[in-house]
Amino acid sequence: MIKNIVVFFLFTVALVGAQVPRVALPLPGPSRYYVHVVNGLSKLGLLVHCQSKDDDLGYHRLLNHGDGYKWNFKVNFWGTTLYWCKLETPHAYVSFESFWPETQHLWLRDRCKHGTVGTCIWTAKDDGIYLRNFLANVDELIHKWIYKR
């Protein structure tokens, strides 16, 4: 009797296991991220203000081509870490999310993964804001400047 129950149980487990679709979960992202904002403008200085809901990183003046500002953080327990930045020149500005959590799509994670480290490099250039895509080894135009009147 016990032998029949064990056989029936194993058969049921095998049958159910064969019918459960296999879902490939994305690999976990880096536990620490580094975000860089770089002045790639040909002539103008850049004012940078970045923050999260809990952490205002302040204003930073990047006066020369190649100057940068960077910070790092760990994604919070709930996976809801979000940073945004406003970049401003005397003639234009743009506001954008510089880091956001990804659970389904891996667009940002794919671009910001540099080996095993999460590194997002945002560069302000004359025509807009670029994000470094490490996988493709290119800077991608993500945001255009909004010109002031």
N, C-alpha and C. Protein backbone atom coordinates (compact mmCIF):
# COMPACT_ATOMS: atom_id res chain seq x y z
N MET A 1 0.82 -1.19 0.00
CA MET A 1 0.00 0.00 0.00
C MET A 1 0.87 1.27 0.00
N ILE A 2 1.85 1.32 0.88
CA ILE A 2 2.74 2.48 0.95
C ILE A 2 3.52 2.62 -0.36
N LYS A 3 3.94 1.48 -0.89
CA LYS A 3 4.69 1.51 -2.15
C LYS A 3 3.84 2.11 -3.26
N ASN A 4 2.56 1.80 -3.33
CA ASN A 4 1.67 2.35 -4.34
C ASN A 4 1.50 3.86 -4.16
N ILE A 5 1.41 4.31 -2.93
CA ILE A 5 1.27 5.75 -2.66
C ILE A 5 2.52 6.49 -3.09
N VAL A 6 3.69 5.94 -2.78
CA VAL A 6 4.96 6.58 -3.17
C VAL A 6 5.07 6.63 -4.69
N VAL A 7 4.74 5.55 -5.37
CA VAL A 7 4.80 5.52 -6.83
C VAL A 7 3.83 6.55 -7.42
N PHE A 8 2.61 6.59 -6.88
CA PHE A 8 1.62 7.57 -7.35
C PHE A 8 2.12 9.01 -7.12
N PHE A 9 2.71 9.27 -5.96
CA PHE A 9 3.23 10.61 -5.64
C PHE A 9 4.34 10.99 -6.62
N LEU A 10 5.29 10.09 -6.84
CA LEU A 10 6.39 10.38 -7.76
C LEU A 10 5.89 10.59 -9.19
N PHE A 11 4.92 9.79 -9.61
CA PHE A 11 4.33 9.96 -10.92
C PHE A 11 3.66 11.33 -11.05
N THR A 12 2.92 11.74 -10.02
CA THR A 12 2.23 13.04 -10.03
C THR A 12 3.25 14.18 -10.08
N VAL A 13 4.28 14.09 -9.29
CA VAL A 13 5.32 15.14 -9.29
C VAL A 13 5.97 15.22 -10.67
N ALA A 14 6.28 14.08 -11.27
CA ALA A 14 6.91 14.07 -12.59
C ALA A 14 5.98 14.66 -13.64
N LEU A 15 4.70 14.33 -13.55
CA LEU A 15 3.72 14.83 -14.51
C LEU A 15 3.54 16.34 -14.38
N VAL A 16 3.41 16.83 -13.15
CA VAL A 16 3.25 18.27 -12.92
C VAL A 16 4.51 19.02 -13.33
N GLY A 17 5.67 18.48 -12.99
CA GLY A 17 6.93 19.13 -13.34
C GLY A 17 7.13 19.23 -14.83
N ALA A 18 6.62 18.27 -15.58
CA ALA A 18 6.75 18.30 -17.04
C ALA A 18 5.84 19.35 -17.65
N GLN A 19 4.77 19.73 -16.97
CA GLN A 19 3.81 20.67 -17.52
C GLN A 19 4.07 22.12 -17.11
N VAL A 20 4.92 22.35 -16.12
CA VAL A 20 5.21 23.70 -15.67
C VAL A 20 6.16 24.34 -16.66
N PRO A 21 5.77 25.49 -17.25
CA PRO A 21 6.68 26.14 -18.21
C PRO A 21 7.93 26.64 -17.51
N ARG A 22 9.02 26.50 -18.17
CA ARG A 22 10.29 26.98 -17.64
C ARG A 22 10.45 28.44 -18.02
N VAL A 23 10.64 29.29 -17.03
CA VAL A 23 10.81 30.71 -17.27
C VAL A 23 12.24 31.06 -16.94
N ALA A 24 12.93 31.65 -17.90
CA ALA A 24 14.30 32.08 -17.66
C ALA A 24 14.28 33.43 -16.97
N LEU A 25 14.68 33.44 -15.73
CA LEU A 25 14.74 34.70 -14.98
C LEU A 25 16.03 35.42 -15.32
N PRO A 26 15.99 36.75 -15.39
CA PRO A 26 17.22 37.48 -15.66
C PRO A 26 18.20 37.32 -14.52
N LEU A 27 19.47 37.31 -14.86
CA LEU A 27 20.48 37.25 -13.82
C LEU A 27 20.40 38.51 -12.97
N PRO A 28 20.68 38.38 -11.68
CA PRO A 28 20.63 39.58 -10.86
C PRO A 28 21.65 40.60 -11.33
N GLY A 29 21.29 41.86 -11.23
CA GLY A 29 22.19 42.93 -11.63
C GLY A 29 23.25 43.15 -10.57
N PRO A 30 24.17 44.05 -10.86
CA PRO A 30 25.19 44.37 -9.86
C PRO A 30 24.56 44.89 -8.57
N SER A 31 25.20 44.65 -7.45
CA SER A 31 24.65 45.12 -6.18
C SER A 31 24.98 46.60 -5.95
N ARG A 32 26.02 47.09 -6.57
CA ARG A 32 26.40 48.50 -6.44
C ARG A 32 26.49 49.11 -7.83
N TYR A 33 25.98 50.32 -7.95
CA TYR A 33 26.03 51.05 -9.22
C TYR A 33 26.82 52.34 -9.04
N TYR A 34 27.49 52.74 -10.11
CA TYR A 34 28.23 53.99 -10.18
C TYR A 34 27.62 54.79 -11.32
N VAL A 35 27.23 56.03 -11.04
CA VAL A 35 26.65 56.89 -12.06
C VAL A 35 27.60 58.07 -12.26
N HIS A 36 27.95 58.34 -13.51
CA HIS A 36 28.83 59.46 -13.86
C HIS A 36 28.07 60.40 -14.78
N VAL A 37 28.22 61.69 -14.54
CA VAL A 37 27.72 62.71 -15.46
C VAL A 37 28.96 63.47 -15.93
N VAL A 38 29.12 63.57 -17.25
CA VAL A 38 30.34 64.14 -17.82
C VAL A 38 29.98 65.32 -18.71
N ASN A 39 30.78 66.39 -18.63
CA ASN A 39 30.64 67.53 -19.53
C ASN A 39 31.40 67.23 -20.82
N GLY A 40 30.64 66.94 -21.87
CA GLY A 40 31.23 66.70 -23.18
C GLY A 40 30.94 67.83 -24.15
N LEU A 41 30.52 68.98 -23.59
CA LEU A 41 30.18 70.14 -24.41
C LEU A 41 31.44 70.76 -25.00
N SER A 42 31.33 71.31 -26.19
CA SER A 42 32.51 71.87 -26.85
C SER A 42 32.93 73.22 -26.27
N LYS A 43 31.95 73.99 -25.73
CA LYS A 43 32.30 75.34 -25.28
C LYS A 43 31.79 75.69 -23.88
N LEU A 44 30.60 75.23 -23.51
CA LEU A 44 29.93 75.75 -22.33
C LEU A 44 30.17 74.91 -21.09
N GLY A 45 30.00 75.57 -19.94
CA GLY A 45 29.98 74.86 -18.68
C GLY A 45 28.62 74.19 -18.48
N LEU A 46 28.54 73.32 -17.49
CA LEU A 46 27.33 72.54 -17.25
C LEU A 46 27.00 72.56 -15.77
N LEU A 47 25.74 72.83 -15.43
CA LEU A 47 25.26 72.75 -14.06
C LEU A 47 24.49 71.44 -13.91
N VAL A 48 24.86 70.64 -12.92
CA VAL A 48 24.27 69.32 -12.71
C VAL A 48 23.61 69.28 -11.34
N HIS A 49 22.37 68.83 -11.30
CA HIS A 49 21.67 68.61 -10.03
C HIS A 49 21.00 67.25 -10.10
N CYS A 50 21.46 66.31 -9.27
CA CYS A 50 20.91 64.95 -9.25
C CYS A 50 20.38 64.63 -7.86
N GLN A 51 19.36 63.78 -7.82
CA GLN A 51 18.76 63.43 -6.54
C GLN A 51 17.92 62.17 -6.66
N SER A 52 17.61 61.62 -5.50
CA SER A 52 16.62 60.55 -5.39
C SER A 52 15.54 61.06 -4.45
N LYS A 53 14.58 60.21 -4.16
CA LYS A 53 13.52 60.61 -3.24
C LYS A 53 14.09 60.95 -1.86
N ASP A 54 15.15 60.24 -1.48
CA ASP A 54 15.71 60.38 -0.14
C ASP A 54 17.05 61.10 -0.08
N ASP A 55 17.65 61.38 -1.22
CA ASP A 55 19.03 61.84 -1.22
C ASP A 55 19.25 62.91 -2.30
N ASP A 56 19.31 64.17 -1.89
CA ASP A 56 19.62 65.26 -2.81
C ASP A 56 21.14 65.39 -2.87
N LEU A 57 21.70 65.17 -4.03
CA LEU A 57 23.15 65.18 -4.19
C LEU A 57 23.72 66.57 -4.41
N GLY A 58 22.86 67.58 -4.49
CA GLY A 58 23.31 68.96 -4.60
C GLY A 58 23.62 69.38 -6.03
N TYR A 59 24.06 70.64 -6.14
CA TYR A 59 24.39 71.23 -7.43
C TYR A 59 25.90 71.14 -7.65
N HIS A 60 26.29 70.83 -8.89
CA HIS A 60 27.70 70.70 -9.22
C HIS A 60 27.95 71.40 -10.55
N ARG A 61 28.97 72.25 -10.58
CA ARG A 61 29.34 72.97 -11.80
C ARG A 61 30.50 72.25 -12.46
N LEU A 62 30.24 71.81 -13.68
CA LEU A 62 31.27 71.17 -14.48
C LEU A 62 31.68 72.17 -15.55
N LEU A 63 32.71 72.93 -15.27
CA LEU A 63 33.04 74.09 -16.09
C LEU A 63 33.78 73.76 -17.38
N ASN A 64 34.56 72.70 -17.38
CA ASN A 64 35.41 72.40 -18.53
C ASN A 64 35.02 71.09 -19.21
N HIS A 65 35.32 71.00 -20.49
CA HIS A 65 35.12 69.77 -21.24
C HIS A 65 35.88 68.64 -20.53
N GLY A 66 35.19 67.54 -20.27
CA GLY A 66 35.82 66.40 -19.59
C GLY A 66 35.60 66.35 -18.09
N ASP A 67 35.16 67.48 -17.50
CA ASP A 67 34.85 67.46 -16.06
C ASP A 67 33.68 66.52 -15.81
N GLY A 68 33.68 65.91 -14.63
CA GLY A 68 32.61 64.98 -14.32
C GLY A 68 32.21 65.01 -12.87
N TYR A 69 31.05 64.47 -12.61
CA TYR A 69 30.53 64.28 -11.26
C TYR A 69 30.05 62.84 -11.17
N LYS A 70 30.35 62.17 -10.06
CA LYS A 70 29.92 60.78 -9.94
C LYS A 70 29.50 60.47 -8.52
N TRP A 71 28.65 59.46 -8.41
CA TRP A 71 28.24 58.94 -7.11
C TRP A 71 27.98 57.45 -7.27
N ASN A 72 27.89 56.77 -6.14
CA ASN A 72 27.58 55.35 -6.18
C ASN A 72 26.59 55.01 -5.08
N PHE A 73 25.93 53.90 -5.23
CA PHE A 73 24.89 53.49 -4.29
C PHE A 73 24.61 52.01 -4.47
N LYS A 74 23.94 51.46 -3.48
CA LYS A 74 23.42 50.10 -3.58
C LYS A 74 21.93 50.20 -3.81
N VAL A 75 21.40 49.34 -4.66
CA VAL A 75 19.96 49.28 -4.88
C VAL A 75 19.31 48.86 -3.57
N ASN A 76 18.21 49.53 -3.19
CA ASN A 76 17.58 49.23 -1.91
C ASN A 76 16.94 47.84 -1.91
N PHE A 77 16.57 47.38 -0.74
CA PHE A 77 16.03 46.03 -0.54
C PHE A 77 14.83 45.76 -1.43
N TRP A 78 13.98 46.76 -1.63
CA TRP A 78 12.76 46.59 -2.41
C TRP A 78 13.00 46.73 -3.92
N GLY A 79 14.21 47.12 -4.32
CA GLY A 79 14.52 47.27 -5.74
C GLY A 79 13.83 48.47 -6.37
N THR A 80 13.63 49.54 -5.59
CA THR A 80 12.92 50.71 -6.09
C THR A 80 13.80 51.95 -6.19
N THR A 81 15.10 51.79 -6.12
CA THR A 81 16.02 52.93 -6.18
C THR A 81 15.86 53.69 -7.49
N LEU A 82 15.69 55.00 -7.40
CA LEU A 82 15.47 55.83 -8.57
C LEU A 82 16.23 57.15 -8.39
N TYR A 83 17.03 57.52 -9.37
CA TYR A 83 17.72 58.82 -9.38
C TYR A 83 17.34 59.56 -10.64
N TRP A 84 17.27 60.87 -10.54
CA TRP A 84 17.04 61.70 -11.71
C TRP A 84 17.95 62.90 -11.64
N CYS A 85 18.20 63.51 -12.79
CA CYS A 85 19.12 64.64 -12.88
C CYS A 85 18.52 65.73 -13.76
N LYS A 86 18.93 66.95 -13.46
CA LYS A 86 18.68 68.09 -14.35
C LYS A 86 20.04 68.64 -14.73
N LEU A 87 20.28 68.72 -16.04
CA LEU A 87 21.50 69.29 -16.58
C LEU A 87 21.13 70.59 -17.26
N GLU A 88 21.95 71.62 -17.03
CA GLU A 88 21.59 72.94 -17.54
C GLU A 88 22.83 73.69 -18.02
N THR A 89 22.66 74.33 -19.18
CA THR A 89 23.66 75.25 -19.72
C THR A 89 23.01 76.63 -19.71
N PRO A 90 23.74 77.68 -20.08
CA PRO A 90 23.10 79.00 -20.15
C PRO A 90 21.95 79.05 -21.16
N HIS A 91 21.93 78.15 -22.14
CA HIS A 91 20.94 78.23 -23.22
C HIS A 91 19.94 77.08 -23.27
N ALA A 92 20.18 76.01 -22.51
CA ALA A 92 19.32 74.83 -22.62
C ALA A 92 19.36 74.02 -21.33
N TYR A 93 18.41 73.10 -21.22
CA TYR A 93 18.35 72.21 -20.06
C TYR A 93 17.69 70.90 -20.47
N VAL A 94 17.80 69.90 -19.61
CA VAL A 94 17.08 68.64 -19.76
C VAL A 94 17.01 67.96 -18.40
N SER A 95 15.87 67.37 -18.09
CA SER A 95 15.69 66.57 -16.88
C SER A 95 15.39 65.14 -17.30
N PHE A 96 15.97 64.18 -16.60
CA PHE A 96 15.78 62.79 -16.97
C PHE A 96 16.11 61.88 -15.79
N GLU A 97 15.58 60.67 -15.84
CA GLU A 97 15.93 59.65 -14.86
C GLU A 97 17.30 59.09 -15.23
N SER A 98 18.23 59.12 -14.29
CA SER A 98 19.59 58.64 -14.56
C SER A 98 19.80 57.21 -14.08
N PHE A 99 18.93 56.72 -13.21
CA PHE A 99 18.93 55.32 -12.80
C PHE A 99 17.53 54.96 -12.35
N TRP A 100 17.05 53.78 -12.76
CA TRP A 100 15.73 53.31 -12.35
C TRP A 100 15.78 51.80 -12.20
N PRO A 101 14.86 51.26 -11.41
CA PRO A 101 14.83 49.81 -11.22
C PRO A 101 14.24 49.12 -12.45
N GLU A 102 14.77 47.96 -12.75
CA GLU A 102 14.26 47.18 -13.88
C GLU A 102 13.96 45.77 -13.40
N THR A 103 12.74 45.34 -13.63
CA THR A 103 12.38 43.98 -13.25
C THR A 103 12.07 43.13 -14.47
N GLN A 104 11.43 43.71 -15.48
CA GLN A 104 11.04 42.96 -16.67
C GLN A 104 11.99 43.23 -17.84
N HIS A 105 12.23 44.49 -18.10
CA HIS A 105 13.10 44.88 -19.22
C HIS A 105 14.47 45.22 -18.66
N LEU A 106 15.49 44.94 -19.42
CA LEU A 106 16.85 45.15 -18.94
C LEU A 106 17.59 46.19 -19.78
N TRP A 107 16.87 47.17 -20.30
CA TRP A 107 17.46 48.17 -21.18
C TRP A 107 18.61 48.90 -20.49
N LEU A 108 18.35 49.47 -19.32
CA LEU A 108 19.39 50.23 -18.63
C LEU A 108 20.49 49.31 -18.12
N ARG A 109 20.12 48.20 -17.54
CA ARG A 109 21.12 47.27 -17.00
C ARG A 109 22.07 46.79 -18.10
N ASP A 110 21.54 46.53 -19.28
CA ASP A 110 22.40 46.09 -20.38
C ASP A 110 23.40 47.16 -20.77
N ARG A 111 23.01 48.41 -20.72
CA ARG A 111 23.90 49.50 -21.11
C ARG A 111 24.89 49.86 -20.01
N CYS A 112 24.50 49.69 -18.77
CA CYS A 112 25.33 50.12 -17.65
C CYS A 112 26.17 49.00 -17.05
N LYS A 113 26.12 47.83 -17.64
CA LYS A 113 26.93 46.74 -17.09
C LYS A 113 28.30 46.77 -17.73
N HIS A 114 29.30 46.99 -16.90
CA HIS A 114 30.68 47.06 -17.36
C HIS A 114 31.43 45.96 -16.64
N GLY A 115 31.47 44.78 -17.24
CA GLY A 115 31.99 43.60 -16.53
C GLY A 115 30.98 43.19 -15.48
N THR A 116 31.40 43.12 -14.24
CA THR A 116 30.49 42.78 -13.15
C THR A 116 30.03 44.01 -12.39
N VAL A 117 30.46 45.18 -12.83
CA VAL A 117 30.15 46.44 -12.14
C VAL A 117 29.05 47.18 -12.90
N GLY A 118 28.13 47.80 -12.16
CA GLY A 118 27.11 48.63 -12.77
C GLY A 118 27.62 50.05 -12.89
N THR A 119 27.89 50.50 -14.10
CA THR A 119 28.43 51.84 -14.34
C THR A 119 27.61 52.52 -15.43
N CYS A 120 26.90 53.58 -15.06
CA CYS A 120 26.12 54.37 -16.02
C CYS A 120 26.87 55.67 -16.27
N ILE A 121 27.22 55.93 -17.51
CA ILE A 121 27.93 57.17 -17.86
C ILE A 121 27.04 57.99 -18.77
N TRP A 122 26.57 59.13 -18.24
CA TRP A 122 25.75 60.08 -18.99
C TRP A 122 26.66 61.23 -19.40
N THR A 123 26.70 61.52 -20.70
CA THR A 123 27.58 62.59 -21.21
C THR A 123 26.74 63.65 -21.90
N ALA A 124 26.91 64.90 -21.44
CA ALA A 124 26.24 66.04 -22.08
C ALA A 124 27.08 66.47 -23.27
N LYS A 125 26.51 66.37 -24.47
CA LYS A 125 27.19 66.82 -25.68
C LYS A 125 26.37 67.95 -26.30
N ASP A 126 26.90 68.56 -27.34
CA ASP A 126 26.25 69.74 -27.92
C ASP A 126 24.83 69.48 -28.41
N ASP A 127 24.54 68.26 -28.86
CA ASP A 127 23.20 67.98 -29.39
C ASP A 127 22.28 67.25 -28.41
N GLY A 128 22.78 66.87 -27.23
CA GLY A 128 21.92 66.20 -26.26
C GLY A 128 22.70 65.38 -25.25
N ILE A 129 21.97 64.51 -24.55
CA ILE A 129 22.55 63.70 -23.48
C ILE A 129 22.69 62.27 -23.99
N TYR A 130 23.87 61.73 -23.82
CA TYR A 130 24.19 60.39 -24.30
C TYR A 130 24.42 59.46 -23.12
N LEU A 131 24.07 58.19 -23.31
CA LEU A 131 24.35 57.14 -22.34
C LEU A 131 25.34 56.17 -22.98
N ARG A 132 26.38 55.86 -22.25
CA ARG A 132 27.39 54.92 -22.75
C ARG A 132 26.80 53.51 -22.77
N ASN A 133 26.86 52.86 -23.92
CA ASN A 133 26.45 51.47 -24.05
C ASN A 133 27.73 50.64 -24.09
N PHE A 134 28.08 50.04 -22.96
CA PHE A 134 29.33 49.30 -22.87
C PHE A 134 29.33 48.07 -23.77
N LEU A 135 28.18 47.41 -23.89
CA LEU A 135 28.10 46.20 -24.70
C LEU A 135 28.41 46.49 -26.17
N ALA A 136 27.86 47.60 -26.70
CA ALA A 136 28.10 47.98 -28.10
C ALA A 136 29.30 48.90 -28.26
N ASN A 137 29.85 49.38 -27.16
CA ASN A 137 31.02 50.27 -27.17
C ASN A 137 30.73 51.57 -27.92
N VAL A 138 29.54 52.16 -27.66
CA VAL A 138 29.16 53.43 -28.27
C VAL A 138 28.41 54.29 -27.26
N ASP A 139 28.37 55.59 -27.53
CA ASP A 139 27.50 56.51 -26.79
C ASP A 139 26.20 56.64 -27.59
N GLU A 140 25.06 56.48 -26.92
CA GLU A 140 23.76 56.55 -27.58
C GLU A 140 23.04 57.83 -27.16
N LEU A 141 22.55 58.58 -28.14
CA LEU A 141 21.78 59.78 -27.85
C LEU A 141 20.44 59.36 -27.24
N ILE A 142 20.18 59.83 -26.02
CA ILE A 142 18.96 59.44 -25.30
C ILE A 142 18.01 60.63 -25.16
N HIS A 143 18.54 61.82 -24.84
CA HIS A 143 17.70 63.00 -24.62
C HIS A 143 18.25 64.19 -25.41
N LYS A 144 17.36 64.93 -26.05
CA LYS A 144 17.75 66.18 -26.72
C LYS A 144 17.60 67.34 -25.74
N TRP A 145 18.38 68.37 -25.94
CA TRP A 145 18.28 69.57 -25.13
C TRP A 145 16.94 70.26 -25.36
N ILE A 146 16.41 70.89 -24.31
CA ILE A 146 15.24 71.78 -24.42
C ILE A 146 15.81 73.19 -24.34
N TYR A 147 15.63 73.95 -25.41
CA TYR A 147 16.24 75.27 -25.46
C TYR A 147 15.39 76.30 -24.74
N LYS A 148 16.07 77.18 -23.99
CA LYS A 148 15.40 78.25 -23.27
C LYS A 148 15.05 79.36 -24.25
N ARG A 149 14.07 80.15 -23.90
CA ARG A 149 13.67 81.28 -24.75
C ARG A 149 14.40 82.53 -24.35
